Amino acid sequence: AVMDPGTRELLAGLPVVFLDVQLA
């Protein structure tokens, strides 16, 4: 979803958390 620039704009200022995970 974050690939879309419009979606990234919608998320600006919101409490967004990136759940980072490694491949394994």
PDB file of all heavy atoms in Angstrom:
ATOM      1  N   ALA A   1       0.819  -1.226   0.000  1.00  0.00           N
ATOM      2  CA  ALA A   1       0.000   0.000   0.000  1.00  0.00           C
ATOM      3  C   ALA A   1       0.846   1.268   0.000  1.00  0.00           C
ATOM      4  O   ALA A   1       0.476   2.266  -0.617  1.00  0.00           O
ATOM      5  CB  ALA A   1      -0.962   0.004   1.183  1.00  0.00           C
ATOM      6  N   VAL A   2       1.995   1.226   0.667  1.00  0.00           N
ATOM      7  CA  VAL A   2       2.841   2.422   0.773  1.00  0.00           C
ATOM      8  C   VAL A   2       3.511   2.807  -0.539  1.00  0.00           C
ATOM      9  O   VAL A   2       4.072   3.891  -0.643  1.00  0.00           O
ATOM     10  CB  VAL A   2       3.925   2.270   1.865  1.00  0.00           C
ATOM     11  CG1 VAL A   2       3.303   2.090   3.233  1.00  0.00           C
ATOM     12  CG2 VAL A   2       4.880   1.138   1.529  1.00  0.00           C
ATOM     13  N   MET A   3       3.419   1.949  -1.549  1.00  0.00           N
ATOM     14  CA  MET A   3       4.019   2.270  -2.839  1.00  0.00           C
ATOM     15  C   MET A   3       3.283   3.416  -3.529  1.00  0.00           C
ATOM     16  O   MET A   3       3.854   4.103  -4.372  1.00  0.00           O
ATOM     17  CB  MET A   3       4.028   1.032  -3.745  1.00  0.00           C
ATOM     18  CG  MET A   3       4.823  -0.139  -3.193  1.00  0.00           C
ATOM     19  SD  MET A   3       6.575   0.189  -2.960  1.00  0.00           S
ATOM     20  CE  MET A   3       7.118   0.219  -4.654  1.00  0.00           C
ATOM     21  N   ASP A   4       2.033   3.633  -3.173  1.00  0.00           N
ATOM     22  CA  ASP A   4       1.221   4.674  -3.799  1.00  0.00           C
ATOM     23  C   ASP A   4       1.474   6.028  -3.123  1.00  0.00           C
ATOM     24  O   ASP A   4       1.274   6.156  -1.911  1.00  0.00           O
ATOM     25  CB  ASP A   4      -0.258   4.305  -3.695  1.00  0.00           C
ATOM     26  CG  ASP A   4      -1.139   5.355  -4.337  1.00  0.00           C
ATOM     27  OD1 ASP A   4      -1.082   5.497  -5.572  1.00  0.00           O
ATOM     28  OD2 ASP A   4      -1.870   6.049  -3.595  1.00  0.00           O
ATOM     29  N   PRO A   5       1.889   7.042  -3.877  1.00  0.00           N
ATOM     30  CA  PRO A   5       2.151   8.360  -3.276  1.00  0.00           C
ATOM     31  C   PRO A   5       0.915   8.945  -2.577  1.00  0.00           C
ATOM     32  O   PRO A   5       1.043   9.576  -1.531  1.00  0.00           O
ATOM     33  CB  PRO A   5       2.561   9.235  -4.461  1.00  0.00           C
ATOM     34  CG  PRO A   5       3.003   8.287  -5.518  1.00  0.00           C
ATOM     35  CD  PRO A   5       2.223   7.017  -5.315  1.00  0.00           C
ATOM     36  N   GLY A   6      -0.268   8.736  -3.136  1.00  0.00           N
ATOM     37  CA  GLY A   6      -1.490   9.243  -2.508  1.00  0.00           C
ATOM     38  C   GLY A   6      -1.742   8.598  -1.159  1.00  0.00           C
ATOM     39  O   GLY A   6      -2.191   9.261  -0.216  1.00  0.00           O
ATOM     40  N   THR A   7      -1.439   7.314  -1.059  1.00  0.00           N
ATOM     41  CA  THR A   7      -1.589   6.612   0.220  1.00  0.00           C
ATOM     42  C   THR A   7      -0.599   7.170   1.234  1.00  0.00           C
ATOM     43  O   THR A   7      -0.961   7.416   2.391  1.00  0.00           O
ATOM     44  CB  THR A   7      -1.391   5.096   0.033  1.00  0.00           C
ATOM     45  OG1 THR A   7      -2.459   4.598  -0.784  1.00  0.00           O
ATOM     46  CG2 THR A   7      -1.389   4.357   1.354  1.00  0.00           C
ATOM     47  N   ARG A   8       0.627   7.412   0.800  1.00  0.00           N
ATOM     48  CA  ARG A   8       1.616   7.979   1.733  1.00  0.00           C
ATOM     49  C   ARG A   8       1.157   9.344   2.231  1.00  0.00           C
ATOM     50  O   ARG A   8       1.325   9.670   3.403  1.00  0.00           O
ATOM     51  CB  ARG A   8       2.997   8.042   1.080  1.00  0.00           C
ATOM     52  CG  ARG A   8       3.589   6.648   0.831  1.00  0.00           C
ATOM     53  CD  ARG A   8       5.074   6.666   0.520  1.00  0.00           C
ATOM     54  NE  ARG A   8       5.468   7.503  -0.587  1.00  0.00           N
ATOM     55  CZ  ARG A   8       5.449   7.155  -1.865  1.00  0.00           C
ATOM     56  NH1 ARG A   8       5.004   5.955  -2.217  1.00  0.00           N
ATOM     57  NH2 ARG A   8       5.864   7.985  -2.804  1.00  0.00           N
ATOM     58  N   GLU A   9       0.553  10.141   1.345  1.00  0.00           N
ATOM     59  CA  GLU A   9       0.017  11.441   1.771  1.00  0.00           C
ATOM     60  C   GLU A   9      -1.090  11.270   2.800  1.00  0.00           C
ATOM     61  O   GLU A   9      -1.160  12.024   3.772  1.00  0.00           O
ATOM     62  CB  GLU A   9      -0.510  12.216   0.567  1.00  0.00           C
ATOM     63  CG  GLU A   9       0.566  12.793  -0.322  1.00  0.00           C
ATOM     64  CD  GLU A   9      -0.016  13.510  -1.537  1.00  0.00           C
ATOM     65  OE1 GLU A   9      -1.146  14.040  -1.446  1.00  0.00           O
ATOM     66  OE2 GLU A   9       0.666  13.526  -2.576  1.00  0.00           O
ATOM     67  N   LEU A  10      -1.986  10.298   2.574  1.00  0.00           N
ATOM     68  CA  LEU A  10      -3.069  10.041   3.527  1.00  0.00           C
ATOM     69  C   LEU A  10      -2.539   9.670   4.908  1.00  0.00           C
ATOM     70  O   LEU A  10      -3.167   9.971   5.920  1.00  0.00           O
ATOM     71  CB  LEU A  10      -3.953   8.879   3.043  1.00  0.00           C
ATOM     72  CG  LEU A  10      -4.981   9.147   1.979  1.00  0.00           C
ATOM     73  CD1 LEU A  10      -5.649   7.839   1.566  1.00  0.00           C
ATOM     74  CD2 LEU A  10      -6.036  10.122   2.490  1.00  0.00           C
ATOM     75  N   LEU A  11      -1.395   9.010   4.946  1.00  0.00           N
ATOM     76  CA  LEU A  11      -0.836   8.532   6.215  1.00  0.00           C
ATOM     77  C   LEU A  11      -0.062   9.609   6.974  1.00  0.00           C
ATOM     78  O   LEU A  11       0.234   9.434   8.156  1.00  0.00           O
ATOM     79  CB  LEU A  11       0.074   7.325   5.968  1.00  0.00           C
ATOM     80  CG  LEU A  11      -0.616   6.089   5.377  1.00  0.00           C
ATOM     81  CD1 LEU A  11       0.413   4.996   5.086  1.00  0.00           C
ATOM     82  CD2 LEU A  11      -1.707   5.583   6.290  1.00  0.00           C
ATOM     83  N   ALA A  12       0.229  10.715   6.312  1.00  0.00           N
ATOM     84  CA  ALA A  12       0.995  11.793   6.957  1.00  0.00           C
ATOM     85  C   ALA A  12       0.272  12.265   8.211  1.00  0.00           C
ATOM     86  O   ALA A  12      -0.918  12.559   8.195  1.00  0.00           O
ATOM     87  CB  ALA A  12       1.181  12.951   5.986  1.00  0.00           C
ATOM     88  N   GLY A  13       1.006  12.293   9.307  1.00  0.00           N
ATOM     89  CA  GLY A  13       0.457  12.781  10.563  1.00  0.00           C
ATOM     90  C   GLY A  13      -0.316  11.741  11.358  1.00  0.00           C
ATOM     91  O   GLY A  13      -0.739  12.017  12.475  1.00  0.00           O
ATOM     92  N   LEU A  14      -0.513  10.552  10.799  1.00  0.00           N
ATOM     93  CA  LEU A  14      -1.242   9.505  11.525  1.00  0.00           C
ATOM     94  C   LEU A  14      -0.264   8.671  12.360  1.00  0.00           C
ATOM     95  O   LEU A  14       0.935   8.632  12.076  1.00  0.00           O
ATOM     96  CB  LEU A  14      -1.989   8.601  10.540  1.00  0.00           C
ATOM     97  CG  LEU A  14      -3.112   9.250   9.739  1.00  0.00           C
ATOM     98  CD1 LEU A  14      -3.761   8.224   8.803  1.00  0.00           C
ATOM     99  CD2 LEU A  14      -4.162   9.854  10.659  1.00  0.00           C
ATOM    100  N   PRO A  15      -0.771   7.966  13.364  1.00  0.00           N
ATOM    101  CA  PRO A  15       0.088   7.122  14.211  1.00  0.00           C
ATOM    102  C   PRO A  15       0.434   5.811  13.504  1.00  0.00           C
ATOM    103  O   PRO A  15      -0.108   4.755  13.797  1.00  0.00           O
ATOM    104  CB  PRO A  15      -0.764   6.897  15.459  1.00  0.00           C
ATOM    105  CG  PRO A  15      -2.182   7.008  14.972  1.00  0.00           C
ATOM    106  CD  PRO A  15      -2.148   8.015  13.849  1.00  0.00           C
ATOM    107  N   VAL A  16       1.351   5.912  12.552  1.00  0.00           N
ATOM    108  CA  VAL A  16       1.747   4.769  11.742  1.00  0.00           C
ATOM    109  C   VAL A  16       2.961   4.097  12.375  1.00  0.00           C
ATOM    110  O   VAL A  16       3.925   4.772  12.749  1.00  0.00           O
ATOM    111  CB  VAL A  16       2.081   5.201  10.296  1.00  0.00           C
ATOM    112  CG1 VAL A  16       2.546   4.004   9.457  1.00  0.00           C
ATOM    113  CG2 VAL A  16       0.883   5.889   9.652  1.00  0.00           C
ATOM    114  N   VAL A  17       2.905   2.763  12.452  1.00  0.00           N
ATOM    115  CA  VAL A  17       4.029   1.984  12.972  1.00  0.00           C
ATOM    116  C   VAL A  17       4.455   0.980  11.905  1.00  0.00           C
ATOM    117  O   VAL A  17       3.635   0.222  11.388  1.00  0.00           O
ATOM    118  CB  VAL A  17       3.658   1.244  14.269  1.00  0.00           C
ATOM    119  CG1 VAL A  17       4.817   0.367  14.739  1.00  0.00           C
ATOM    120  CG2 VAL A  17       3.266   2.241  15.354  1.00  0.00           C
ATOM    121  N   PHE A  18       5.729   1.014  11.582  1.00  0.00           N
ATOM    122  CA  PHE A  18       6.338   0.060  10.653  1.00  0.00           C
ATOM    123  C   PHE A  18       6.789  -1.136  11.475  1.00  0.00           C
ATOM    124  O   PHE A  18       7.668  -1.025  12.316  1.00  0.00           O
ATOM    125  CB  PHE A  18       7.491   0.735   9.922  1.00  0.00           C
ATOM    126  CG  PHE A  18       8.443  -0.176   9.184  1.00  0.00           C
ATOM    127  CD1 PHE A  18       8.064  -1.408   8.677  1.00  0.00           C
ATOM    128  CD2 PHE A  18       9.746   0.241   8.966  1.00  0.00           C
ATOM    129  CE1 PHE A  18       8.959  -2.225   7.985  1.00  0.00           C
ATOM    130  CE2 PHE A  18      10.653  -0.552   8.273  1.00  0.00           C
ATOM    131  CZ  PHE A  18      10.256  -1.796   7.786  1.00  0.00           C
ATOM    132  N   LEU A  19       6.150  -2.298  11.241  1.00  0.00           N
ATOM    133  CA  LEU A  19       6.570  -3.537  11.884  1.00  0.00           C
ATOM    134  C   LEU A  19       7.673  -4.136  11.019  1.00  0.00           C
ATOM    135  O   LEU A  19       7.415  -4.690   9.954  1.00  0.00           O
ATOM    136  CB  LEU A  19       5.399  -4.510  12.015  1.00  0.00           C
ATOM    137  CG  LEU A  19       4.256  -4.072  12.920  1.00  0.00           C
ATOM    138  CD1 LEU A  19       3.182  -5.154  12.976  1.00  0.00           C
ATOM    139  CD2 LEU A  19       4.742  -3.715  14.312  1.00  0.00           C
ATOM    140  N   ASP A  20       8.887  -3.988  11.469  1.00  0.00           N
ATOM    141  CA  ASP A  20      10.055  -4.434  10.714  1.00  0.00           C
ATOM    142  C   ASP A  20      10.326  -5.900  11.035  1.00  0.00           C
ATOM    143  O   ASP A  20      10.259  -6.310  12.200  1.00  0.00           O
ATOM    144  CB  ASP A  20      11.263  -3.570  11.072  1.00  0.00           C
ATOM    145  CG  ASP A  20      12.371  -3.663  10.046  1.00  0.00           C
ATOM    146  OD1 ASP A  20      12.202  -4.363   9.027  1.00  0.00           O
ATOM    147  OD2 ASP A  20      13.412  -3.021  10.264  1.00  0.00           O
ATOM    148  N   VAL A  21      10.621  -6.669  10.012  1.00  0.00           N
ATOM    149  CA  VAL A  21      10.865  -8.101  10.168  1.00  0.00           C
ATOM    150  C   VAL A  21      11.967  -8.507   9.204  1.00  0.00           C
ATOM    151  O   VAL A  21      12.064  -7.973   8.105  1.00  0.00           O
ATOM    152  CB  VAL A  21       9.561  -8.904   9.913  1.00  0.00           C
ATOM    153  CG1 VAL A  21       9.056  -8.721   8.499  1.00  0.00           C
ATOM    154  CG2 VAL A  21       9.741 -10.383  10.225  1.00  0.00           C
ATOM    155  N   GLN A  22      12.774  -9.426   9.633  1.00  0.00           N
ATOM    156  CA  GLN A  22      13.812  -9.968   8.765  1.00  0.00           C
ATOM    157  C   GLN A  22      13.266 -11.178   8.019  1.00  0.00           C
ATOM    158  O   GLN A  22      12.309 -11.819   8.461  1.00  0.00           O
ATOM    159  CB  GLN A  22      15.045 -10.348   9.585  1.00  0.00           C
ATOM    160  CG  GLN A  22      15.685  -9.166  10.306  1.00  0.00           C
ATOM    161  CD  GLN A  22      16.053  -8.041   9.360  1.00  0.00           C
ATOM    162  OE1 GLN A  22      16.686  -8.251   8.339  1.00  0.00           O
ATOM    163  NE2 GLN A  22      15.647  -6.823   9.701  1.00  0.00           N
ATOM    164  N   LEU A  23      13.867 -11.512   6.906  1.00  0.00           N
ATOM    165  CA  LEU A  23      13.392 -12.599   6.059  1.00  0.00           C
ATOM    166  C   LEU A  23      13.216 -13.905   6.830  1.00  0.00           C
ATOM    167  O   LEU A  23      12.192 -14.576   6.699  1.00  0.00           O
ATOM    168  CB  LEU A  23      14.344 -12.807   4.875  1.00  0.00           C
ATOM    169  CG  LEU A  23      14.029 -13.999   3.962  1.00  0.00           C
ATOM    170  CD1 LEU A  23      12.652 -13.851   3.336  1.00  0.00           C
ATOM    171  CD2 LEU A  23      15.098 -14.130   2.899  1.00  0.00           C
ATOM    172  N   ALA A  24      14.195 -14.280   7.649  1.00  0.00           N
ATOM    173  CA  ALA A  24      14.114 -15.560   8.370  1.00  0.00           C
ATOM    174  C   ALA A  24      12.874 -15.610   9.260  1.00  0.00           C
ATOM    175  O   ALA A  24      12.201 -16.639   9.343  1.00  0.00           O
ATOM    176  CB  ALA A  24      15.371 -15.779   9.203  1.00  0.00           C
TER     177      ALA A  24
END
